Protein backbone atom coordinates (compact mmCIF):
# COMPACT_ATOMS: atom_id res chain seq x y z
CA MET A 1 88.39 80.36 92.04
CA THR A 2 85.61 81.33 94.47
CA LEU A 3 86.15 78.43 96.70
CA ALA A 4 89.98 79.14 96.80
CA LEU A 5 89.37 82.86 97.90
CA ASN A 6 86.97 81.78 100.36
CA PHE A 7 89.65 79.85 102.01
CA TYR A 8 92.07 82.75 101.51
CA SER A 9 89.55 85.14 103.22
CA GLN A 10 89.73 82.85 106.28
CA GLY A 11 93.52 82.94 106.38
CA ILE A 12 94.00 79.50 104.69
CA ASP A 13 96.50 79.65 101.76
CA PRO A 14 94.93 78.05 98.79
CA GLY A 15 98.28 77.61 97.05
CA LEU A 16 96.94 79.76 94.03
CA ASP A 17 98.17 83.28 92.98
CA PHE A 18 95.28 85.63 92.33
CA SER A 19 97.32 88.85 92.57
CA VAL A 20 96.52 89.68 88.78
CA MET A 21 92.71 89.30 89.02
CA ASP A 22 92.17 91.62 86.04
CA GLU A 23 94.27 89.37 83.79
CA ILE A 24 92.59 86.25 84.84
CA VAL A 25 89.26 87.84 84.25
CA ARG A 26 90.32 88.91 80.69
CA THR A 27 91.50 85.44 80.02
CA ALA A 28 88.28 83.67 81.13
CA GLU A 29 86.21 86.13 79.16
CA TYR A 30 88.29 85.55 76.02
CA CYS A 31 88.24 81.66 76.50
CA ASN A 32 84.63 81.51 77.38
CA GLN A 33 83.23 84.38 75.24
CA ILE A 34 80.99 85.26 78.26
CA PRO A 35 81.60 88.48 80.28
CA VAL A 36 82.23 88.14 83.99
CA HIS A 37 79.36 89.61 85.96
CA PRO A 38 80.27 92.85 87.65
CA ARG A 39 79.17 91.21 91.06
CA HIS A 40 80.87 87.96 90.58
CA PRO A 41 82.62 87.15 93.85
CA TYR A 42 86.08 88.49 94.10
CA ALA A 43 86.42 89.07 90.32
CA GLY A 44 83.75 91.42 89.12
CA ASP A 45 84.20 94.97 88.47
CA LEU A 46 81.87 96.12 91.31
CA VAL A 47 82.57 93.44 93.81
CA PHE A 48 84.65 95.79 95.98
CA THR A 49 82.33 98.80 95.33
CA ALA A 50 80.00 100.28 97.82
CA PHE A 51 77.27 102.78 96.71
CA SER A 52 75.07 102.64 99.90
CA GLY A 53 75.55 105.22 102.50
CA SER A 54 75.55 102.89 105.57
CA HIS A 55 78.20 100.54 103.89
CA GLN A 56 80.39 103.41 102.91
CA ASP A 57 80.43 104.85 106.35
CA ALA A 58 81.36 101.31 107.70
CA ILE A 59 84.08 100.99 105.16
CA LYS A 60 85.33 104.50 105.83
CA LYS A 61 85.68 103.72 109.59
CA GLY A 62 87.00 100.16 108.79
CA PHE A 63 89.71 101.77 106.60
CA ALA A 64 90.72 104.07 109.47
CA ALA A 65 90.91 101.22 111.98
CA GLN A 66 92.93 99.22 109.55
CA GLU A 67 95.50 101.98 109.02
CA GLN A 68 95.90 101.99 112.88
CA ARG A 69 96.61 98.39 112.96
CA TRP A 70 99.08 98.51 110.14
CA ALA A 71 100.82 101.33 112.04
CA THR A 72 101.50 98.98 115.01
CA GLY A 73 102.72 96.12 112.74
CA ASP A 74 99.39 94.21 112.72
CA GLY A 75 98.85 93.01 109.22
CA HIS A 76 95.48 91.34 109.96
CA TRP A 77 92.85 92.50 107.48
CA GLU A 78 89.47 93.50 108.93
CA VAL A 79 87.33 95.91 107.04
CA PRO A 80 83.47 95.56 106.85
CA TYR A 81 82.07 94.45 103.51
CA LEU A 82 85.60 93.73 102.07
CA PRO A 83 86.34 90.15 103.07
CA VAL A 84 89.93 90.41 101.47
CA ASP A 85 92.21 93.12 100.87
CA PRO A 86 91.58 94.35 97.24
CA ALA A 87 95.32 95.00 96.83
CA ASP A 88 95.84 91.20 97.25
CA LEU A 89 93.92 90.89 94.02
CA GLY A 90 95.77 93.60 92.22
CA ARG A 91 92.85 96.03 92.65
CA SER A 92 93.12 99.56 93.91
CA TYR A 93 91.13 101.29 96.76
CA GLU A 94 89.92 104.02 94.21
CA ALA A 95 86.91 102.17 93.21
CA VAL A 96 85.85 100.88 96.69
CA ILE A 97 83.61 103.87 97.45
CA ARG A 98 81.54 105.53 94.69
CA VAL A 99 78.91 108.13 94.78
CA ASN A 100 75.43 108.14 93.52
CA SER A 101 71.93 109.31 95.08
CA GLN A 102 72.18 106.28 97.55
CA SER A 103 75.33 107.51 99.03
CA GLY A 104 75.76 109.01 102.48
CA LYS A 105 78.08 111.47 104.22
CA GLY A 106 80.67 108.78 105.12
CA GLY A 107 81.70 107.94 101.54
CA ILE A 108 81.61 111.46 100.43
CA ALA A 109 83.84 112.54 103.35
CA TYR A 110 86.09 109.52 102.73
CA LEU A 111 86.79 110.62 99.10
CA LEU A 112 87.28 114.33 99.96
CA GLU A 113 89.91 113.23 102.75
CA LYS A 114 91.64 110.40 100.66
CA ASP A 115 92.03 112.48 97.53
CA HIS A 116 92.15 116.21 98.74
CA GLY A 117 93.12 116.02 102.40
CA LEU A 118 90.02 117.60 103.80
CA ARG A 119 88.72 116.34 107.14
CA LEU A 120 85.12 117.57 107.07
CA PRO A 121 83.48 118.26 110.68
CA ARG A 122 80.42 116.00 111.04
CA ARG A 123 77.89 118.61 110.50
CA LEU A 124 79.63 119.78 107.36
CA GLN A 125 79.65 116.20 106.10
CA VAL A 126 75.73 116.13 106.50
CA GLU A 127 75.46 119.55 104.79
CA PHE A 128 77.47 118.74 101.84
CA SER A 129 76.11 115.21 101.44
CA GLN A 130 72.64 116.70 101.02
CA ALA A 131 73.76 118.87 98.02
CA VAL A 132 75.60 115.85 96.52
CA GLN A 133 72.57 113.63 96.75
CA ALA A 134 70.33 116.36 95.16
CA MET A 135 72.95 116.65 92.27
CA ALA A 136 73.05 112.88 91.87
CA ASP A 137 69.26 112.80 91.85
CA SER A 138 68.93 115.64 89.35
CA THR A 139 71.43 114.06 86.90
CA GLY A 140 70.95 110.24 87.43
CA LYS A 141 74.76 110.06 87.22
CA GLU A 142 77.35 108.48 89.44
CA LEU A 143 79.65 111.32 90.71
CA THR A 144 83.42 111.03 90.64
CA SER A 145 86.02 112.26 93.30
CA ALA A 146 86.76 114.88 90.76
CA ASP A 147 83.00 115.82 90.55
CA LEU A 148 82.92 115.93 94.38
CA TRP A 149 85.91 118.31 94.44
CA THR A 150 84.46 120.57 91.81
CA ALA A 151 81.13 120.85 93.55
CA PHE A 152 82.75 121.41 96.99
CA ALA A 153 85.23 124.01 95.65
CA ALA A 154 82.42 125.90 93.84
CA ASP A 155 80.12 125.95 96.76
CA TYR A 156 82.66 126.57 99.58
CA LEU A 157 85.77 128.06 98.18
CA GLN A 158 84.97 129.97 94.96
CA LEU A 159 81.76 131.91 95.90
CA LYS A 160 82.84 135.57 95.69
CA GLU A 161 79.66 137.49 95.95
CA PRO A 162 78.66 139.65 97.54
CA PHE A 163 81.75 139.71 99.68
CA GLN A 164 85.33 138.85 99.15
CA PHE A 165 88.35 138.89 101.51
CA VAL A 166 91.23 140.76 100.55
CA GLU A 167 93.56 141.45 103.56
CA HIS A 168 93.74 142.13 107.42
CA ARG A 169 95.60 143.72 110.12
CA SER A 170 95.25 142.87 113.83
CA ALA A 171 96.73 143.83 117.12
CA PRO A 172 95.95 143.59 120.77
CA ASP A 173 93.15 145.85 122.01
CA SER A 174 94.52 148.31 124.39
CA GLN A 175 91.04 148.91 125.69
CA ALA A 176 90.43 145.27 126.79
CA SER A 177 92.87 142.73 128.18
CA GLY A 178 93.15 139.60 125.99
CA ALA A 179 91.08 141.21 123.15
CA CYS A 180 91.97 141.73 119.58
CA LYS A 181 91.42 144.63 117.42
CA LEU A 182 91.18 143.97 113.49
CA THR A 183 91.01 146.09 110.52
CA ALA A 184 90.17 144.31 107.36
CA THR A 185 89.75 145.15 103.52
CA ILE A 186 86.94 143.51 101.84
CA ARG A 187 85.23 143.70 98.53
CA GLU A 188 81.47 144.18 98.52
CA HIS A 189 80.06 143.70 95.01
CA GLY A 190 83.51 144.40 93.63
CA ARG A 191 83.87 147.59 95.50
CA GLU A 192 86.73 147.84 98.15
CA ARG A 193 86.01 149.00 101.62
CA LEU A 194 87.71 149.09 105.05
CA ILE A 195 85.99 147.54 108.09
CA SER A 196 87.06 147.30 111.69
CA GLY A 197 86.05 145.46 114.76
CA ARG A 198 86.92 144.06 118.15
CA GLY A 199 86.61 140.78 119.66
CA ASN A 200 88.31 138.00 121.68
CA GLY A 201 90.27 136.76 118.63
CA PRO A 202 90.60 137.61 114.87
CA ILE A 203 87.49 135.59 113.84
CA ASP A 204 85.37 137.27 116.60
CA ALA A 205 86.68 140.62 115.58
CA PHE A 206 86.00 140.05 111.99
CA THR A 207 82.44 139.10 112.42
CA ASP A 208 82.19 142.21 114.61
CA ALA A 209 83.38 144.33 111.78
CA LEU A 210 80.97 142.73 109.26
CA ASN A 211 78.02 143.25 111.56
CA ARG A 212 79.03 146.81 112.38
CA HIS A 213 79.88 148.01 108.82
CA CYS A 214 77.74 145.69 106.48
CA GLY A 215 74.53 145.61 108.30
CA LEU A 216 74.74 141.77 108.88
CA ASP A 217 73.84 139.66 112.14
CA VAL A 218 76.47 136.95 112.02
CA ARG A 219 77.31 134.71 114.96
CA VAL A 220 80.01 131.98 114.90
CA VAL A 221 78.53 128.68 116.11
CA ASP A 222 81.48 126.23 115.59
CA TYR A 223 85.14 126.21 114.28
CA HIS A 224 87.62 123.52 113.16
CA GLU A 225 90.92 123.75 111.54
CA HIS A 226 93.76 121.44 110.30
CA ALA A 227 96.71 121.43 108.01
CA ILE A 228 97.25 119.81 104.65
CA GLY A 229 100.76 118.67 103.90
CA ALA A 230 103.88 119.51 105.84
CA GLY A 231 106.70 121.80 105.95
CA ALA A 232 106.88 124.92 103.80
CA ASN A 233 104.20 123.70 101.43
CA ALA A 234 101.64 122.98 104.16
CA ASN A 235 98.20 124.92 103.72
CA ALA A 236 95.70 125.49 106.71
CA VAL A 237 92.05 124.73 106.14
CA SER A 238 89.41 126.32 108.29
CA TYR A 239 85.86 125.35 108.67
CA VAL A 240 83.46 127.93 110.23
CA GLU A 241 79.90 127.36 110.97
CA ILE A 242 77.79 130.57 111.33
CA ARG A 243 74.25 131.52 112.15
CA MET A 244 73.09 134.57 110.53
CA ASP A 245 69.68 136.44 111.55
CA ASP A 246 68.78 133.33 113.73
CA ARG A 247 68.31 131.29 110.66
CA VAL A 248 69.67 127.67 109.95
CA SER A 249 73.43 127.50 110.41
CA LEU A 250 75.64 126.97 107.46
CA PHE A 251 79.51 126.35 106.97
CA GLY A 252 82.06 128.16 105.13
CA VAL A 253 85.53 126.95 104.28
CA GLY A 254 88.81 128.79 103.66
CA MET A 255 92.35 127.54 102.72
CA ASP A 256 95.49 129.45 102.79
CA SER A 257 99.09 129.07 104.04
CA ASN A 258 98.19 131.40 106.92
CA ILE A 259 95.83 130.10 109.49
CA VAL A 260 94.11 133.45 110.29
CA THR A 261 93.64 134.24 106.51
CA ALA A 262 92.10 130.82 106.05
CA SER A 263 89.74 131.35 108.93
CA LEU A 264 88.64 134.71 107.82
CA ASN A 265 88.04 133.46 104.21
CA ALA A 266 85.90 130.70 105.81
CA VAL A 267 83.72 133.33 107.45
CA ILE A 268 83.27 135.11 104.14
CA SER A 269 82.44 131.85 102.54
CA ALA A 270 79.83 131.04 105.23
CA VAL A 271 78.30 134.61 104.98
CA ASN A 272 78.13 134.40 101.13
CA ARG A 273 76.44 131.18 101.35
CA ALA A 274 73.91 132.14 103.99
CA LEU A 275 72.99 135.20 101.88
CA ARG A 276 72.54 133.17 98.69
CA ALA A 277 70.48 130.66 100.62
CA ALA A 278 68.20 133.46 102.04
CA VAL A 279 67.51 134.66 98.53
CA ASN A 280 66.69 131.51 96.64
CA PRO A 281 68.24 128.16 97.82
CA ASP A 282 66.57 125.97 95.16
CA VAL A 283 68.09 128.14 92.21
CA ALA A 284 71.45 128.03 93.77
CA GLU A 285 71.35 124.22 94.20
CA MET A 286 70.40 123.69 90.58
CA GLU A 287 73.09 126.11 89.26
CA LEU A 288 75.68 124.17 91.17
CA ALA A 289 74.43 120.90 89.61
CA ARG A 290 74.75 122.37 86.16
CA ARG A 291 78.25 123.59 86.78
CA VAL A 292 79.46 120.36 88.02
CA VAL A 293 77.93 117.68 85.93
CA GLY A 294 76.68 119.53 82.79
CA LEU A 295 72.92 119.26 83.63
CA GLY A 296 71.00 120.68 80.84
CA ALA A 297 74.25 121.30 78.58
């Protein structure tokens, strides 16, 4: 079998059908009463699995290049560390990249994009991967794609203290050409309040409002956005990187059908994360690990 698939990986048809590899493995184990090693070439459960961060990053980029080739009609398979297409052996791509404490930003970003449509900016990939590695170290467990989403949502989308965005209204600023005037309703520790600010766009005006009315010193460093889905069911995702009080910059993420609302939610997410990190980053990190993978439960 190994010899035949070595030929196959080089484009030589061995004349044998290995499209149901899992069935072949079960038959071999039944007949021999010996389990197939997880890393057995082509047949093992882990043979198409990468835990190493550098391997995952190469595979992620290889998959992206492969999809571009497929789009042009080129069916030639060329992905680093995967000598054959797992689908040719009846395997799925789901188990190719798995996450533990060795994993890097590339594999984590790949799973979030593949399963949830999130295209994380590079610096956010680095930021989130550090939290994931800390969780994997704390628990000694492999983290699933569902675990990654739970961790990401808990840290970037569901943090509602001390601030929570409610709604906003914006209009051109009559006092400055091309500027924006914004009024927003937010909750601070559960209490609603109205804030207003000016800037060269809704995000700039919103940070101005937070700085004026909430005693903050927030500056937007970077901004990215993209859509998830298409048509009437599409959602916008915004990634906002802020620097507060000249400390280390942090990202926030917002999701909404309206791109401006998603962006303002992302600002609030970043502010809440920055304030939490300023108080006690280690406690926050451990609490996140407990919620995601049941540490200490």
